[in-house]
Protein backbone atom coordinates (compact mmCIF):
# COMPACT_ATOMS: atom_id res chain seq x y z
CA MET A 1 -6.60 17.76 -9.33
CA SER A 2 -3.62 16.99 -11.57
CA ILE A 3 -0.27 15.79 -10.27
CA SER A 4 3.14 15.31 -11.85
CA TYR A 5 6.57 13.98 -10.98
CA ASN A 6 7.85 17.55 -11.34
CA THR A 7 5.64 18.93 -8.56
CA ASN A 8 5.73 16.11 -6.00
CA ASN A 9 8.34 16.35 -3.23
CA LYS A 10 7.06 13.90 -0.60
CA PRO A 11 7.45 10.09 -0.60
CA LEU A 12 4.84 8.42 -2.79
CA LEU A 13 2.67 5.46 -1.87
CA TYR A 14 2.34 3.32 -4.99
CA CYS A 15 -0.66 1.00 -5.05
CA HIS A 16 0.76 -2.30 -6.32
CA ARG A 17 -1.57 -3.43 -9.14
CA GLY A 18 -4.16 -0.95 -7.87
CA VAL A 19 -6.10 -1.31 -4.64
CA HIS A 20 -6.82 -5.02 -4.69
CA ILE A 21 -8.03 -5.77 -1.19
CA ASN A 22 -11.43 -6.66 -2.70
CA ALA A 23 -11.26 -5.91 -6.42
CA PRO A 24 -9.21 -8.07 -8.81
CA GLU A 25 -5.59 -6.91 -9.11
CA ASN A 26 -4.76 -4.81 -12.16
CA SER A 27 -8.44 -4.25 -12.94
CA LEU A 28 -10.31 -1.04 -13.65
CA PRO A 29 -12.22 -1.35 -10.33
CA ALA A 30 -8.88 -1.65 -8.50
CA PHE A 31 -7.59 1.45 -10.27
CA LYS A 32 -10.84 3.34 -9.68
CA ASP A 33 -10.41 2.68 -5.96
CA VAL A 34 -6.98 4.33 -6.11
CA MET A 35 -8.61 7.64 -6.97
CA GLU A 36 -11.70 7.24 -4.81
CA LEU A 37 -9.55 6.53 -1.76
CA GLY A 38 -7.29 9.49 -2.49
CA PHE A 39 -4.08 7.68 -3.41
CA LYS A 40 -1.70 9.34 -5.84
CA ALA A 41 0.32 6.59 -7.55
CA ILE A 42 -0.25 3.30 -9.36
CA GLU A 43 2.20 0.50 -10.13
CA THR A 44 1.00 -1.79 -12.90
CA ASP A 45 2.16 -4.35 -15.47
CA ILE A 46 1.82 -4.06 -19.23
CA HIS A 47 2.14 -6.54 -22.10
CA ILE A 48 1.43 -6.34 -25.79
CA CYS A 49 -1.10 -8.87 -27.03
CA LYS A 50 -1.29 -10.59 -30.42
CA SER A 51 -3.59 -7.97 -31.95
CA GLY A 52 -1.22 -5.18 -30.92
CA GLU A 53 -2.97 -3.54 -27.97
CA ILE A 54 -1.22 -2.94 -24.65
CA VAL A 55 -3.00 -4.91 -21.94
CA ILE A 56 -2.66 -4.81 -18.17
CA ILE A 57 -1.99 -8.06 -16.36
CA HIS A 58 0.91 -9.31 -14.26
CA ASP A 59 1.52 -12.84 -15.52
CA ASN A 60 2.49 -13.93 -19.02
CA ASN A 61 -0.69 -16.01 -19.09
CA THR A 62 -4.23 -15.66 -17.78
CA ASN A 63 -4.53 -18.88 -15.76
CA ARG A 64 -4.01 -17.55 -12.22
CA MET A 65 -6.40 -14.65 -12.65
CA THR A 66 -9.15 -16.18 -14.80
CA GLY A 67 -8.87 -19.98 -14.58
CA VAL A 68 -8.41 -20.09 -18.38
CA ASN A 69 -4.89 -20.54 -19.64
CA LEU A 70 -4.14 -18.17 -22.52
CA GLU A 71 -0.71 -16.72 -23.27
CA ILE A 72 -0.98 -12.95 -23.45
CA GLU A 73 1.29 -12.46 -26.44
CA ARG A 74 -0.44 -15.23 -28.44
CA SER A 75 -3.97 -14.02 -27.75
CA THR A 76 -5.96 -11.20 -29.32
CA LEU A 77 -7.63 -8.50 -27.29
CA SER A 78 -11.06 -9.90 -28.14
CA GLN A 79 -10.00 -13.31 -26.80
CA LEU A 80 -8.65 -11.76 -23.60
CA LYS A 81 -11.78 -9.66 -23.14
CA GLU A 82 -13.89 -12.83 -23.01
CA LEU A 83 -12.25 -13.83 -19.72
CA ASP A 84 -13.39 -12.92 -16.21
CA LEU A 85 -10.94 -11.44 -13.69
CA GLY A 86 -13.57 -11.63 -10.97
CA ILE A 87 -13.82 -15.40 -10.59
CA ASN A 88 -12.14 -15.39 -7.18
CA CYS A 89 -13.74 -12.19 -5.90
CA SER A 90 -17.13 -11.20 -4.53
CA PRO A 91 -20.12 -11.28 -6.93
CA GLU A 92 -19.98 -7.54 -7.57
CA TYR A 93 -16.80 -8.08 -9.58
CA LYS A 94 -18.20 -10.81 -11.82
CA ASN A 95 -17.30 -10.26 -15.49
CA THR A 96 -14.51 -7.81 -14.70
CA LYS A 97 -12.39 -7.67 -17.84
CA ILE A 98 -8.65 -7.46 -18.47
CA PRO A 99 -8.07 -3.74 -19.11
CA THR A 100 -5.92 -2.01 -21.67
CA LEU A 101 -3.45 0.74 -20.87
CA ARG A 102 -5.65 3.06 -22.91
CA GLU A 103 -8.58 2.31 -20.61
CA LEU A 104 -6.45 3.01 -17.55
CA PHE A 105 -5.32 6.36 -18.95
CA GLU A 106 -8.92 7.22 -19.87
CA LEU A 107 -10.02 6.41 -16.31
CA CYS A 108 -7.28 8.13 -14.30
CA GLY A 109 -5.67 10.64 -16.67
CA ASN A 110 -3.28 13.03 -14.95
CA ASN A 111 -4.92 12.60 -11.56
CA VAL A 112 -2.35 9.97 -10.56
CA LEU A 113 1.27 9.05 -11.20
CA TYR A 114 2.12 5.79 -12.94
CA ASP A 115 4.89 3.22 -12.71
CA LEU A 116 4.48 1.10 -15.83
CA GLU A 117 6.33 -2.21 -15.74
CA LEU A 118 7.21 -3.55 -19.18
CA LYS A 119 6.56 -7.29 -19.37
CA SER A 120 7.57 -9.59 -22.22
CA SER A 121 8.36 -13.24 -22.83
CA THR A 122 11.37 -12.21 -24.93
CA ILE A 123 14.42 -10.06 -24.21
CA HIS A 124 13.73 -7.78 -27.15
CA ASN A 125 10.26 -6.28 -27.60
CA ARG A 126 10.64 -2.91 -29.29
CA GLU A 127 6.96 -2.82 -30.28
CA LEU A 128 5.90 -2.69 -26.62
CA ALA A 129 8.30 0.18 -25.96
CA ILE A 130 7.17 2.16 -29.01
CA LYS A 131 3.45 1.73 -28.41
CA THR A 132 3.77 2.53 -24.70
CA TRP A 133 5.56 5.78 -25.50
CA LYS A 134 3.02 6.74 -28.17
CA LEU A 135 0.14 6.17 -25.77
CA ILE A 136 1.83 8.23 -23.05
CA GLN A 137 2.25 11.05 -25.56
CA GLU A 138 -1.33 10.75 -26.82
CA PHE A 139 -2.67 11.31 -23.30
CA HIS A 140 -0.03 13.98 -22.51
CA LEU A 141 1.21 12.01 -19.52
CA GLU A 142 4.93 12.53 -20.02
CA PHE A 143 5.20 14.07 -16.53
CA ASN A 144 3.01 11.41 -14.92
CA CYS A 145 4.85 8.24 -15.90
CA ILE A 146 7.98 6.31 -15.12
CA VAL A 147 8.74 3.08 -16.95
CA SER A 148 10.38 0.08 -15.31
CA SER A 149 11.33 -3.53 -15.97
CA PHE A 150 13.38 -6.44 -14.68
CA ASN A 151 14.84 -6.48 -18.20
CA PRO A 152 17.38 -3.68 -18.80
CA VAL A 153 17.22 -4.34 -22.54
CA ALA A 154 13.51 -3.45 -22.48
CA ILE A 155 14.32 -0.25 -20.62
CA LYS A 156 17.01 0.62 -23.16
CA ALA A 157 14.53 0.12 -25.99
CA PHE A 158 12.07 2.46 -24.32
CA GLU A 159 14.73 5.10 -23.63
CA ARG A 160 15.80 5.08 -27.27
CA CYS A 161 12.31 5.38 -28.74
CA SER A 162 11.35 8.11 -26.23
CA ASN A 163 14.68 9.91 -26.55
CA TYR A 164 15.21 9.55 -22.79
CA ALA A 165 12.19 11.72 -22.05
CA LEU A 166 11.10 9.87 -18.88
CA GLN A 167 12.63 8.53 -15.71
CA THR A 168 13.20 4.79 -15.95
CA ALA A 169 13.77 2.09 -13.36
CA VAL A 170 15.46 -1.31 -13.20
CA ILE A 171 13.65 -3.81 -10.96
CA PHE A 172 15.60 -6.49 -9.14
CA SER A 173 15.65 -8.98 -6.31
CA GLU A 174 17.71 -11.92 -5.17
CA GLY A 175 15.02 -14.31 -6.41
CA GLN A 176 16.01 -17.47 -8.23
CA LYS A 177 14.35 -16.33 -11.46
CA VAL A 178 16.54 -13.23 -11.62
CA PRO A 179 19.98 -13.77 -13.23
CA LYS A 180 22.74 -13.29 -10.67
CA ILE A 181 24.29 -10.45 -12.64
CA LEU A 182 21.01 -8.49 -12.31
CA GLN A 183 20.18 -9.26 -8.67
CA HIS A 184 21.68 -6.08 -7.23
CA GLY A 185 20.65 -3.44 -9.73
CA TRP A 186 23.61 -3.79 -12.04
CA GLY A 187 21.25 -3.68 -15.00
CA SER A 188 21.15 0.09 -14.52
CA HIS A 189 24.69 0.25 -15.89
CA LEU A 190 23.45 -1.28 -19.13
CA CYS A 191 20.45 0.95 -19.69
CA GLY A 192 21.33 4.10 -17.75
CA SER A 193 18.15 4.09 -15.67
CA THR A 194 17.65 6.85 -13.09
CA ILE A 195 15.77 4.74 -10.52
CA LEU A 196 16.49 1.44 -8.77
CA LYS A 197 13.52 -0.73 -7.75
CA PRO A 198 14.80 -3.37 -5.32
CA ASP A 199 12.95 -5.91 -3.26
CA TYR A 200 12.65 -3.91 -0.02
CA VAL A 201 14.60 -6.51 1.99
CA GLN A 202 17.71 -5.53 0.01
CA VAL A 203 17.54 -1.90 1.11
CA ASN A 204 19.96 -1.52 4.01
CA ASP A 205 23.00 0.52 5.05
CA ASP A 206 25.37 -1.39 2.74
CA PHE A 207 23.08 -1.01 -0.27
CA ILE A 208 22.63 2.73 0.26
CA LYS A 209 26.35 3.23 0.79
CA LYS A 210 27.12 1.59 -2.55
CA ILE A 211 24.83 3.92 -4.48
CA GLU A 212 25.07 7.13 -2.45
CA ASP A 213 27.31 8.88 -4.99
CA THR A 214 25.39 7.74 -8.10
CA GLY A 215 22.40 10.07 -7.87
CA LEU A 216 20.06 7.11 -8.38
CA LYS A 217 16.65 7.24 -6.73
CA VAL A 218 15.29 4.19 -4.89
CA LEU A 219 11.73 2.83 -5.06
CA PRO A 220 11.44 -0.44 -3.08
CA TRP A 221 8.75 -3.13 -3.37
CA CYS A 222 6.66 -4.57 -1.70
CA VAL A 223 6.48 -2.72 1.62
CA ASP A 224 3.34 -3.85 3.40
CA THR A 225 3.71 -2.73 7.04
CA ILE A 226 4.06 0.70 8.62
CA ALA A 227 7.15 -0.49 10.51
CA ASP A 228 8.88 -1.50 7.29
CA ALA A 229 7.83 1.74 5.62
CA LYS A 230 9.38 3.82 8.40
CA THR A 231 12.62 1.85 8.12
CA ILE A 232 12.75 2.18 4.34
CA LEU A 233 12.02 5.90 4.31
CA GLN A 234 14.98 6.56 6.59
CA TYR A 235 17.02 6.03 3.42
CA ASP A 236 15.34 8.93 1.60
CA CYS A 237 13.54 6.68 -0.88
CA MET A 238 11.22 8.32 -3.41
CA GLY A 239 8.38 6.18 -2.04
CA VAL A 240 7.34 2.56 -1.66
CA ILE A 241 5.24 0.10 -3.62
CA THR A 242 2.70 -1.68 -1.46
CA ASN A 243 -0.11 -4.23 -1.51
CA ARG A 244 -1.60 -2.57 1.58
CA PRO A 245 -2.06 1.13 0.77
CA THR A 246 -5.02 1.54 3.14
CA ILE A 247 -2.81 0.39 6.02
CA LEU A 248 0.31 2.39 5.14
CA SER A 249 -1.69 5.56 4.48
CA LYS A 250 -2.54 5.72 8.19
CA SER A 251 1.12 6.48 8.92
CA GLU A 252 0.95 9.96 7.32
CA LEU A 253 4.42 9.29 5.85
CA PHE A 254 3.33 9.70 2.25
CA TYR A 255 1.88 12.16 -0.21
């Protein structure tokens, strides 16, 4: 059954990097579990590799996930496909490969909603924005995707190449790796995003009061307990991103 951002009106439960309780994060088995378990939304991370394909992996290199240290943007798809995402998982996931965005769209289609996080080692990466938009159009998923990034310049590049066709989100936290000027969602002023994606600990009365007249939606990460989810949803958030979808789904708070 298809779903779109236009038809949903209940808070969404986004599976952070798929359902990765057992399967490797950001893998096709983790995304397959999203659908098999009846979840409706996926948050995932996309890079462009040396040979030009859009690949799905969180880090800028493969070391944490595969034990082999390759930089994503300096490696071809064939090189990345030689690696095994299942090295730290049960034997059934042996030889699980780094997926492409195309493979994810082929697997899930319009049966889920997507939050695609643009990842790049540079501030400017127009090629990633252009190719992401073309792939979304190819699969007719314009009403199934939002695009997000910690980097407001990357969001601006996507908005320009897509002619502002999708909702976009600026991600932020008070982490040391995030520039101070971007730690409270101010990047949205630069790119004109319609959604704020804060670390959930930043969502409180003061935060909501500051944005209540802006019309911006809020999608916090990573909310991993039912208690935290209930607190967050008091602020009329569009949903939450979680590492524990099987736990939060028991609350019946989400679509």
